[in-house]
Protein backbone atom coordinates (compact mmCIF):
# COMPACT_ATOMS: atom_id res chain seq x y z
CA MET A 1 -21.71 -14.06 43.85
CA SER A 2 -21.11 -11.89 40.80
CA GLY A 3 -21.63 -13.18 37.28
CA LYS A 4 -18.88 -13.03 34.68
CA VAL A 5 -16.11 -10.50 35.32
CA SER A 6 -13.71 -8.78 32.92
CA VAL A 7 -10.53 -7.04 34.12
CA ILE A 8 -9.07 -4.18 32.07
CA THR A 9 -5.43 -3.36 32.91
CA LEU A 10 -3.92 0.02 32.10
CA GLY A 11 -0.43 1.35 32.73
CA CYS A 12 2.81 -0.37 33.60
CA SER A 13 3.99 -3.92 34.23
CA LYS A 14 3.45 -3.41 37.98
CA ASN A 15 -0.25 -2.99 37.28
CA THR A 16 -0.09 -6.13 35.15
CA VAL A 17 1.12 -8.12 38.16
CA ASP A 18 -1.62 -6.64 40.36
CA SER A 19 -4.28 -7.64 37.84
CA GLU A 20 -2.84 -11.13 37.46
CA ARG A 21 -3.03 -11.68 41.23
CA LEU A 22 -6.57 -10.33 41.31
CA MET A 23 -7.70 -12.51 38.42
CA LYS A 24 -6.29 -15.63 40.09
CA GLN A 25 -8.27 -14.78 43.22
CA ILE A 26 -11.40 -14.34 41.11
CA GLN A 27 -10.75 -17.73 39.53
CA LEU A 28 -10.11 -19.36 42.92
CA ASN A 29 -13.52 -18.09 44.04
CA LYS A 30 -15.06 -19.81 41.01
CA ILE A 31 -16.24 -16.50 39.55
CA GLY A 32 -16.31 -16.52 35.76
CA LEU A 33 -13.58 -14.53 34.00
CA VAL A 34 -13.88 -13.27 30.42
CA ASP A 35 -11.49 -11.25 28.27
CA ASP A 36 -14.20 -9.31 26.46
CA PRO A 37 -15.95 -6.67 28.62
CA ASN A 38 -18.99 -6.97 26.33
CA LYS A 39 -19.47 -10.52 27.60
CA ALA A 40 -19.21 -9.56 31.29
CA GLU A 41 -21.65 -8.43 33.95
CA THR A 42 -18.95 -6.66 35.97
CA VAL A 43 -16.00 -4.71 34.58
CA ILE A 44 -12.99 -3.97 36.78
CA ILE A 45 -10.62 -1.25 35.54
CA ASN A 46 -7.11 -1.26 37.01
CA THR A 47 -6.10 2.34 36.32
CA CYS A 48 -2.86 4.26 35.88
CA GLY A 49 -2.38 7.77 37.25
CA PHE A 50 1.29 8.37 36.53
CA ILE A 51 1.30 11.09 33.87
CA GLU A 52 -1.33 13.16 32.08
CA ALA A 53 -1.68 10.86 29.06
CA ALA A 54 -2.12 7.82 31.30
CA LYS A 55 -4.72 9.61 33.41
CA GLU A 56 -6.67 10.58 30.30
CA GLU A 57 -6.63 6.98 29.06
CA SER A 58 -7.87 5.76 32.45
CA ILE A 59 -10.69 8.32 32.60
CA ASN A 60 -11.77 7.58 29.04
CA THR A 61 -11.85 3.86 29.80
CA ILE A 62 -13.96 4.48 32.91
CA LEU A 63 -16.38 6.61 30.92
CA GLU A 64 -16.69 3.91 28.25
CA ALA A 65 -17.51 1.33 30.93
CA VAL A 66 -20.06 3.67 32.53
CA ALA A 67 -21.69 4.13 29.12
CA MET A 68 -21.93 0.34 28.79
CA LYS A 69 -23.56 0.19 32.22
CA ASN A 70 -26.03 2.96 31.38
CA SER A 71 -27.02 1.15 28.19
CA GLY A 72 -27.59 -2.10 30.06
CA LYS A 73 -24.67 -4.02 28.50
CA ILE A 74 -23.04 -4.55 31.91
CA LYS A 75 -24.35 -4.31 35.46
CA LYS A 76 -21.42 -3.06 37.54
CA VAL A 77 -18.26 -0.95 37.14
CA ILE A 78 -15.40 -1.24 39.66
CA VAL A 79 -12.41 1.08 39.45
CA ALA A 80 -9.10 0.31 41.18
CA GLY A 81 -5.43 1.17 40.92
CA CYS A 82 -3.31 4.29 40.91
CA LEU A 83 -5.80 6.83 39.55
CA SER A 84 -8.43 6.02 42.16
CA GLU A 85 -5.78 5.87 44.89
CA ARG A 86 -4.70 9.39 44.00
CA TYR A 87 -7.98 11.02 42.98
CA LYS A 88 -10.71 9.00 44.70
CA GLU A 89 -12.62 11.99 46.08
CA ASP A 90 -12.54 13.80 42.75
CA LEU A 91 -13.66 10.69 40.89
CA LEU A 92 -16.55 10.12 43.30
CA LYS A 93 -17.81 13.60 42.48
CA GLU A 94 -17.13 13.57 38.74
CA ILE A 95 -18.07 9.98 37.86
CA PRO A 96 -20.55 8.82 40.53
CA GLU A 97 -21.94 6.16 38.18
CA VAL A 98 -19.01 3.90 39.12
CA ASP A 99 -20.27 1.41 41.71
CA VAL A 100 -17.18 1.42 43.88
CA TYR A 101 -13.65 2.81 43.87
CA PHE A 102 -10.65 1.01 45.35
CA GLY A 103 -7.00 2.04 45.62
CA THR A 104 -3.93 -0.05 44.82
CA GLU A 105 -3.56 -3.72 45.79
CA ASN A 106 -6.92 -3.87 47.60
CA TYR A 107 -7.52 -7.47 46.57
CA GLU A 108 -9.62 -8.30 49.62
CA GLY A 109 -12.01 -5.39 49.12
CA ILE A 110 -12.53 -6.18 45.44
CA ILE A 111 -13.07 -9.91 46.03
CA LYS A 112 -15.60 -9.14 48.77
CA GLU A 113 -17.38 -6.75 46.40
CA LEU A 114 -17.67 -9.66 43.97
CA GLY A 115 -19.12 -11.87 46.70
CA GLY A 116 -16.03 -13.96 47.34
CA ASN A 117 -13.37 -14.38 50.01
CA LEU A 118 -9.68 -13.59 49.66
CA LYS A 119 -7.49 -16.70 49.66
CA LYS A 120 -4.58 -15.02 51.45
CA GLU A 121 -2.41 -18.13 51.44
CA LEU A 122 -2.60 -18.15 47.63
CA LEU A 123 -1.82 -14.48 46.93
CA GLY A 124 1.45 -15.52 45.31
CA GLU A 125 -0.45 -17.34 42.58
CA ARG A 126 -1.28 -15.48 39.38
CA LEU A 127 -3.22 -15.88 36.18
CA LEU A 128 -0.65 -14.77 33.64
CA THR A 129 -1.62 -12.33 30.92
CA THR A 130 1.87 -12.44 29.43
CA PRO A 131 3.03 -15.49 27.43
CA SER A 132 3.55 -18.24 30.00
CA HIS A 133 7.30 -18.48 29.36
CA THR A 134 7.85 -14.88 30.57
CA ALA A 135 6.52 -13.34 33.78
CA TYR A 136 7.05 -10.15 35.74
CA LEU A 137 8.04 -10.55 39.39
CA LYS A 138 7.24 -7.47 41.48
CA ILE A 139 9.71 -7.54 44.35
CA SER A 140 8.66 -4.39 46.20
CA GLU A 141 6.08 -1.64 46.22
CA GLY A 142 6.35 2.12 46.66
CA CYS A 143 9.43 4.34 46.66
CA ASP A 144 11.50 6.35 49.15
CA HIS A 145 13.21 8.58 46.58
CA PRO A 146 12.04 12.23 46.54
CA CYS A 147 12.19 12.76 42.76
CA SER A 148 10.54 16.10 42.08
CA PHE A 149 8.57 15.00 38.99
CA CYS A 150 7.21 11.70 40.31
CA ALA A 151 3.81 11.02 41.88
CA ILE A 152 4.41 7.33 42.58
CA PRO A 153 4.88 7.78 46.37
CA LEU A 154 1.51 9.58 46.42
CA MET A 155 -0.16 6.52 44.89
CA ARG A 156 1.98 3.61 46.04
CA GLY A 157 3.43 4.89 49.31
CA LEU A 158 6.96 4.45 50.63
CA HIS A 159 9.21 1.52 49.75
CA LYS A 160 8.02 -1.85 51.02
CA SER A 161 9.90 -5.00 50.07
CA LYS A 162 8.12 -8.29 49.64
CA PRO A 163 9.64 -10.98 51.89
CA MET A 164 12.13 -13.15 50.07
CA ASP A 165 10.43 -16.43 50.97
CA GLU A 166 7.17 -15.18 49.43
CA LEU A 167 8.97 -14.17 46.24
CA ILE A 168 10.65 -17.57 46.04
CA ARG A 169 7.28 -19.33 46.40
CA GLU A 170 5.76 -17.06 43.73
CA ALA A 171 8.67 -17.74 41.37
CA GLU A 172 8.40 -21.50 42.02
CA PHE A 173 4.69 -21.33 41.16
CA LEU A 174 5.54 -19.52 37.93
CA ALA A 175 8.29 -22.01 37.06
CA LYS A 176 5.90 -24.94 37.54
CA ASN A 177 3.59 -23.21 35.07
CA ASN A 178 6.24 -23.06 32.33
CA THR A 179 7.81 -19.66 33.09
CA LYS A 180 11.43 -19.57 31.93
CA GLU A 181 12.16 -15.84 32.21
CA LEU A 182 11.58 -13.69 35.30
CA VAL A 183 11.57 -9.93 34.78
CA LEU A 184 12.18 -8.28 38.15
CA ILE A 185 10.30 -5.02 38.63
CA ALA A 186 9.70 -2.43 41.35
CA GLN A 187 9.84 1.31 41.66
CA ASP A 188 13.50 0.74 42.60
CA THR A 189 14.85 -2.81 42.45
CA THR A 190 18.22 -1.85 44.00
CA ASP A 191 16.46 -0.83 47.24
CA TYR A 192 15.12 -4.34 47.69
CA GLY A 193 15.37 -5.64 51.26
CA LYS A 194 16.53 -2.52 53.07
CA ASP A 195 13.29 -2.15 55.04
CA ILE A 196 12.93 -5.76 56.23
CA TYR A 197 16.51 -7.06 56.20
CA GLY A 198 18.38 -3.87 57.08
CA LYS A 199 20.41 -3.94 53.87
CA ASN A 200 20.02 -3.85 50.10
CA ASN A 201 20.14 -7.54 49.23
CA ILE A 202 18.95 -7.69 45.66
CA SER A 203 22.02 -9.83 44.90
CA GLU A 204 20.95 -12.50 47.40
CA LEU A 205 17.47 -12.53 45.89
CA LEU A 206 18.94 -13.04 42.41
CA ARG A 207 21.03 -15.95 43.65
CA LYS A 208 18.05 -17.68 45.27
CA LEU A 209 15.82 -17.15 42.26
CA SER A 210 18.49 -18.61 40.00
CA GLU A 211 18.40 -21.85 42.02
CA ILE A 212 14.78 -22.50 40.99
CA GLU A 213 14.51 -25.35 38.51
CA GLY A 214 13.06 -24.22 35.19
CA ILE A 215 14.06 -20.57 35.48
CA GLU A 216 16.67 -19.84 32.80
CA TRP A 217 16.72 -16.04 32.53
CA ILE A 218 16.40 -13.39 35.22
CA ARG A 219 16.23 -9.80 34.02
CA LEU A 220 16.61 -6.68 36.18
CA MET A 221 14.56 -3.55 35.51
CA TYR A 222 14.24 -0.15 37.25
CA ALA A 223 17.62 -0.10 39.01
CA TYR A 224 18.12 3.32 40.60
CA PRO A 225 21.59 4.78 39.86
CA SER A 226 22.45 6.62 43.09
CA LYS A 227 23.27 3.57 45.26
CA PHE A 228 23.91 0.81 42.74
CA PRO A 229 25.55 -1.97 44.82
CA ASP A 230 28.97 -3.29 43.82
CA GLU A 231 27.84 -6.81 44.72
CA LEU A 232 25.02 -6.48 42.20
CA ILE A 233 27.58 -5.83 39.44
CA GLU A 234 29.40 -8.98 40.51
CA GLU A 235 26.18 -11.01 40.55
CA ILE A 236 25.24 -9.91 37.02
CA LYS A 237 28.77 -10.69 35.91
CA THR A 238 29.06 -14.18 37.40
CA ASN A 239 25.54 -15.66 37.62
CA PRO A 240 24.81 -17.46 34.32
CA LYS A 241 21.05 -17.17 34.78
CA VAL A 242 21.08 -13.40 35.30
CA CYS A 243 20.91 -11.65 31.95
CA LYS A 244 23.83 -9.34 31.19
CA TYR A 245 21.26 -6.57 31.04
CA VAL A 246 20.27 -3.76 33.34
CA ASP A 247 17.69 -1.01 33.10
CA ILE A 248 18.88 2.15 34.89
CA PRO A 249 16.47 5.12 34.53
CA LEU A 250 18.87 8.10 34.58
CA GLN A 251 16.34 10.82 33.56
CA HIS A 252 19.08 13.39 32.78
CA ILE A 253 22.81 14.17 32.97
CA SER A 254 22.96 17.93 33.58
CA ASP A 255 23.88 18.54 37.22
CA ASP A 256 21.51 21.51 37.39
CA VAL A 257 18.59 19.43 36.13
CA LEU A 258 19.50 16.42 38.28
CA LYS A 259 19.64 18.64 41.36
CA SER A 260 16.25 20.17 40.63
CA MET A 261 14.86 16.68 39.94
CA ARG A 262 16.17 15.60 43.38
CA ARG A 263 17.77 12.51 41.92
CA GLY A 264 20.53 12.23 44.54
CA VAL A 265 23.23 11.65 41.96
CA THR A 266 25.63 13.76 39.89
CA ALA A 267 26.83 13.53 36.31
CA ASP A 268 30.25 12.42 37.52
CA ARG A 269 28.89 9.58 39.65
CA THR A 270 26.61 8.52 36.82
CA ARG A 271 29.51 8.25 34.39
CA LYS A 272 31.62 6.32 36.91
CA LEU A 273 28.83 3.79 37.39
CA LEU A 274 28.32 3.30 33.66
CA HIS A 275 32.03 2.95 32.97
CA LYS A 276 32.37 0.45 35.82
CA LEU A 277 29.49 -1.65 34.46
CA ARG A 278 31.05 -1.69 30.99
CA LYS A 279 34.51 -2.48 32.36
CA GLU A 280 33.37 -5.31 34.65
CA ILE A 281 30.80 -6.74 32.20
CA PRO A 282 31.97 -5.88 28.65
CA ASP A 283 28.96 -7.48 26.93
CA ILE A 284 26.36 -5.90 29.19
CA THR A 285 23.29 -4.27 27.66
CA ILE A 286 22.40 -0.99 29.36
CA ARG A 287 18.93 0.47 28.96
CA THR A 288 17.93 3.87 30.31
CA THR A 289 15.18 6.50 30.14
CA PHE A 290 15.32 10.28 29.96
CA ILE A 291 12.90 13.11 30.57
CA VAL A 292 13.10 16.09 28.20
CA GLY A 293 11.40 19.43 28.66
CA TYR A 294 11.82 19.55 32.43
CA PRO A 295 11.02 23.11 33.62
CA ASN A 296 14.64 24.17 34.21
CA GLU A 297 16.12 22.26 31.25
CA SER A 298 17.84 24.94 29.17
CA GLU A 299 19.00 24.48 25.60
CA LYS A 300 22.49 24.04 27.01
CA ASP A 301 21.27 21.30 29.36
CA PHE A 302 19.57 19.52 26.49
CA GLU A 303 22.72 19.72 24.36
CA GLU A 304 24.65 18.22 27.27
CA LEU A 305 22.16 15.36 27.34
CA CYS A 306 22.55 14.79 23.60
CA ASP A 307 26.34 14.76 23.91
CA PHE A 308 26.06 12.30 26.81
CA VAL A 309 23.98 9.87 24.74
CA ARG A 310 26.52 10.09 21.90
CA GLU A 311 29.35 9.53 24.39
CA ILE A 312 27.97 6.55 26.31
CA LYS A 313 26.23 4.86 23.37
CA PHE A 314 23.47 3.20 25.35
CA ASP A 315 22.11 -0.03 23.95
CA ARG A 316 18.50 1.07 24.50
CA ILE A 317 16.86 4.32 25.56
CA GLY A 318 13.33 5.52 26.13
CA THR A 319 12.48 9.23 26.12
CA PHE A 320 9.54 10.90 27.82
CA THR A 321 8.35 14.48 27.75
CA PHE A 322 7.91 16.19 31.11
CA SER A 323 4.41 16.06 32.55
CA VAL A 324 3.56 18.52 35.33
CA GLU A 325 1.97 16.63 38.24
CA GLU A 326 -0.04 18.03 41.13
CA ASN A 327 1.41 17.70 44.64
CA THR A 328 4.91 16.90 43.39
CA SER A 329 7.75 19.24 44.33
CA SER A 330 8.29 20.27 40.69
CA TYR A 331 4.70 21.51 40.43
CA ILE A 332 5.69 25.00 41.59
CA LEU A 333 8.11 25.24 38.65
CA GLY A 334 5.20 25.22 36.22
CA ASP A 335 5.48 23.89 32.70
CA PRO A 336 7.36 26.57 30.73
CA VAL A 337 8.65 24.39 27.88
CA SER A 338 6.09 24.19 25.09
CA VAL A 339 4.62 20.90 23.95
CA GLU A 340 6.15 21.47 20.51
CA GLU A 341 9.61 22.01 21.96
CA LYS A 342 9.33 18.95 24.18
CA GLU A 343 8.40 16.80 21.21
CA ASN A 344 11.22 18.31 19.16
CA ARG A 345 13.77 17.46 21.87
CA LYS A 346 12.38 13.95 22.19
CA ASN A 347 12.67 13.42 18.43
CA ILE A 348 16.23 14.75 18.33
CA LEU A 349 17.32 12.42 21.13
CA MET A 350 15.70 9.39 19.53
CA GLU A 351 17.31 10.18 16.17
CA ILE A 352 20.70 10.19 17.87
CA GLN A 353 19.89 6.85 19.46
CA LYS A 354 18.70 5.38 16.16
CA ASP A 355 22.17 5.83 14.67
CA ILE A 356 23.76 4.31 17.77
CA SER A 357 21.36 1.38 17.66
CA LEU A 358 22.18 0.73 14.00
CA GLU A 359 25.89 0.69 14.83
CA LYS A 360 25.32 -1.67 17.77
CA ASN A 361 23.16 -4.03 15.75
CA GLU A 362 25.66 -4.15 12.89
CA SER A 363 28.26 -5.46 15.33
CA PHE A 364 26.20 -8.64 15.82
CA ILE A 365 26.41 -9.75 12.18
CA GLY A 366 27.80 -13.29 12.10
CA LYS A 367 27.49 -13.72 15.86
CA LYS A 368 25.44 -16.30 17.75
CA LEU A 369 22.74 -15.28 20.22
CA ARG A 370 20.53 -17.40 22.44
CA VAL A 371 16.95 -16.44 21.64
CA LEU A 372 13.67 -17.10 23.44
CA VAL A 373 11.06 -17.55 20.71
CA GLU A 374 7.74 -15.87 21.51
CA SER A 375 5.47 -15.74 18.49
CA VAL A 376 4.99 -16.07 14.75
CA GLU A 377 4.46 -12.98 12.61
CA GLY A 378 4.26 -13.24 8.84
CA ASP A 379 7.39 -14.86 7.46
CA PHE A 380 9.22 -14.86 10.79
CA PHE A 381 9.39 -16.44 14.18
CA VAL A 382 9.84 -13.58 16.66
CA GLY A 383 12.00 -13.83 19.75
CA ARG A 384 14.21 -11.94 22.16
CA SER A 385 17.86 -12.23 23.16
CA TYR A 386 19.36 -11.29 26.52
CA ARG A 387 19.53 -7.75 25.12
CA ASP A 388 15.76 -7.40 24.83
CA ALA A 389 13.28 -6.86 27.64
CA PRO A 390 9.66 -7.65 26.73
CA GLU A 391 7.52 -4.85 25.32
CA VAL A 392 10.16 -2.09 25.43
CA ASP A 393 13.17 -3.31 23.43
CA GLY A 394 13.96 -4.80 20.04
CA GLU A 395 13.38 -8.33 18.76
CA VAL A 396 15.16 -11.08 16.87
CA LEU A 397 13.33 -12.17 13.72
CA ILE A 398 14.09 -15.72 12.60
CA ASN A 399 13.51 -16.95 9.06
CA LYS A 400 10.43 -19.19 9.29
CA SER A 401 11.55 -21.43 6.45
CA ASN A 402 14.61 -22.52 8.40
CA SER A 403 13.03 -24.91 10.80
CA LYS A 404 9.99 -25.87 12.82
CA ILE A 405 10.38 -23.91 16.01
CA LYS A 406 8.41 -24.21 19.24
CA ILE A 407 7.08 -21.11 20.95
CA GLY A 408 8.50 -20.60 24.44
CA LYS A 409 11.76 -22.46 23.71
CA PHE A 410 15.36 -21.24 23.50
CA TYR A 411 17.40 -21.56 20.30
CA ASP A 412 20.84 -20.49 19.12
CA VAL A 413 20.48 -18.03 16.26
CA VAL A 414 23.19 -16.72 13.91
CA ILE A 415 22.57 -13.06 13.05
CA ASN A 416 22.72 -12.20 9.33
CA ASP A 417 20.92 -8.83 9.05
CA TYR A 418 19.67 -5.88 11.10
CA ASP A 419 17.74 -2.63 11.10
CA GLU A 420 17.57 0.23 13.62
CA TYR A 421 16.07 -1.83 16.42
CA ASP A 422 15.76 -5.50 15.38
CA LEU A 423 18.10 -8.31 14.40
CA PHE A 424 17.46 -11.01 11.78
CA GLY A 425 18.91 -14.50 11.78
CA ASP A 426 18.76 -18.23 11.17
CA ILE A 427 18.55 -21.13 13.59
CA LEU A 428 21.97 -22.69 14.15
CA LEU A 429 21.83 -26.27 12.94
CA LYS A 430 23.95 -29.08 14.32
CA GLU A 431 23.97 -32.42 12.57
CA GLY A 432 20.70 -31.54 10.87
CA LYS A 433 18.91 -30.72 14.12
CA GLU A 434 18.10 -27.55 15.98
CA LYS A 435 20.74 -26.82 18.54
């Protein structure tokens, strides 16, 4: 049985869930877990291999762990996750000092390497690395979409939904451990269920999750735009536990770029979906992401994208520069847009969004928002409203002198100030008590 183990997680929230499941299995096998790699005998690195910057971070982290091993600070280095799934043979040649490489979700192999046995019946249990009141729930793995720029199917395979009963048990476990907010994640959450139930039944999953005692917010991320179900719009609209929030990664709006990206959707269909969401759910928060600097993105295409952002006035956007990836269909297009031009386009788009965000935030002055308080920073309690997904969106900063507030609890907050991304407010008092 291995001595103390430290798990380093890189990349996205899906990797976070994988690491949390792995760490719970390590704990169940009574193997010591430590946060600090310097206090461990074995270091496990859960890598990301999505884009160039993420790959570089993963490789640098591996090299740092190998250096610790060579100096005698640790005894064993285990590498898992997307990078080793995609580049295992290359890594074996280039960094042979790593003791063993695993791909994605190989919990059994890793636990055996540590001298333990996988507790399969307890795979739904996790050791949360997020604050206990918020947890990610990964509802499926892999992706069937042929997006030209994306290497996820190479690392995670085709779409595979997790059975609904398993997700319910996992969510019930989380709720019993004080989780109040579930953040649903996948490569495409709208595809949930099609492979095992013969239909997209994300709406049914939302309904069943909302019946779990203790769960108060359910938030939907990574909803693909091409086949967004009408019943999902209705569920977001009518289910009080489902946040009026949806993350729809659009990537672009130019038909020429969308076609080359193989997104399976047009500018017209995209606009119709967004207008329908806003019409059916007037207070909905829509988050999206865009890629700038795609090989066939002309200046005209980029201007069209800028105009689209001004037109729709998204509540939140994230912008990424194109990263050329081996073995994707866009690889043959090369990388003709310079790094400088990509960064320039990214900055322009985010400046447009900053003005939109200021305008949106100003509209909340004097309004009441339900806020989940998460931490204390300086003179403020820091929380999030239904408009704010963890890690990627804005925050609500609450005057600390107002009241004694408990972390992980919900409070009504009256907004009295704002900046580009955050809101400021005071706890709403009722008869001298926190409401």
